[in-house]
Amino acid sequence: MEVHSVKSITYGDLTFEQVCAKIKDYTKKDLQGTYVISIGTDSQSYEGVTKMVSVITLIRKSKGGIFFYDIRK
């Protein structure tokens, strides 16, 4: 069975379980912070190939954020 990784500019290739752990660690840094999590997917077909992109974004309002993405064809 192939394990598919999720990508992060900050953390590199991660498993989904590692992404969950990074999100948990990030929110622990500021327990009083206000967070917004967004999950989205989009696709585009071109010349018979469909590219699908999924993104998980965690924003700590007024203090930055982190994101993770996956691209599949």
Protein backbone atom coordinates (compact mmCIF):
# COMPACT_ATOMS: atom_id res chain seq x y z
CA MET A 1 0.00 0.00 0.00
CA GLU A 2 1.39 3.39 -1.01
CA VAL A 3 1.45 6.06 1.69
CA HIS A 4 0.67 9.44 0.17
CA SER A 5 2.28 12.46 1.75
CA VAL A 6 0.96 15.97 2.23
CA LYS A 7 3.35 18.87 1.57
CA SER A 8 4.28 21.90 3.62
CA ILE A 9 6.68 24.68 2.70
CA THR A 10 7.72 24.84 6.36
CA TYR A 11 7.79 21.14 7.31
CA GLY A 12 8.32 19.26 4.02
CA ASP A 13 6.54 15.98 3.26
CA LEU A 14 4.22 14.76 6.02
CA THR A 15 1.70 12.00 6.57
CA PHE A 16 -1.84 13.02 7.43
CA GLU A 17 -1.18 12.00 11.04
CA GLN A 18 1.87 14.29 11.14
CA VAL A 19 -0.23 17.17 9.74
CA CYS A 20 -2.72 16.66 12.59
CA ALA A 21 0.15 16.70 15.11
CA LYS A 22 1.59 19.93 13.60
CA ILE A 23 -1.83 21.61 13.83
CA LYS A 24 -2.15 20.51 17.46
CA ASP A 25 1.36 21.78 18.28
CA TYR A 26 0.68 25.10 16.52
CA THR A 27 -2.50 25.77 18.49
CA LYS A 28 -0.79 24.83 21.77
CA LYS A 29 1.60 27.78 21.32
CA ASP A 30 -1.26 30.24 21.90
CA LEU A 31 -4.22 28.67 23.68
CA GLN A 32 -5.98 32.04 23.95
CA GLY A 33 -5.62 32.77 20.23
CA THR A 34 -8.46 32.86 17.75
CA TYR A 35 -8.05 30.29 14.98
CA VAL A 36 -9.73 29.70 11.66
CA ILE A 37 -9.25 26.42 9.82
CA SER A 38 -10.18 26.13 6.16
CA ILE A 39 -10.12 23.01 4.02
CA GLY A 40 -10.62 23.27 0.30
CA THR A 41 -10.27 21.34 -2.94
CA ASP A 42 -10.23 22.44 -6.56
CA SER A 43 -9.56 20.71 -9.84
CA GLN A 44 -8.69 21.60 -13.39
CA SER A 45 -8.62 19.42 -16.50
CA TYR A 46 -6.22 20.15 -19.34
CA GLU A 47 -5.42 17.96 -22.33
CA GLY A 48 -7.00 14.87 -20.79
CA VAL A 49 -5.29 15.21 -17.39
CA THR A 50 -7.13 16.36 -14.29
CA LYS A 51 -5.11 18.01 -11.54
CA MET A 52 -6.72 18.09 -8.10
CA VAL A 53 -5.36 20.30 -5.32
CA SER A 54 -6.41 20.05 -1.67
CA VAL A 55 -5.34 22.56 1.00
CA ILE A 56 -5.61 22.74 4.79
CA THR A 57 -5.00 26.24 6.16
CA LEU A 58 -4.82 27.21 9.82
CA ILE A 59 -4.85 30.94 10.56
CA ARG A 60 -4.13 32.39 13.98
CA LYS A 61 -5.91 35.72 13.59
CA SER A 62 -3.49 38.66 13.43
CA LYS A 63 -0.53 36.32 14.08
CA GLY A 64 0.09 34.33 10.91
CA GLY A 65 -0.70 30.76 10.03
CA ILE A 66 0.38 27.49 8.45
CA PHE A 67 -0.86 25.49 5.49
CA PHE A 68 -0.54 22.04 3.98
CA TYR A 69 -1.34 20.95 0.43
CA ASP A 70 -1.65 17.90 -1.79
CA ILE A 71 -1.56 17.81 -5.60
CA ARG A 72 -2.68 14.75 -7.54
CA LYS A 73 -3.10 14.06 -11.24
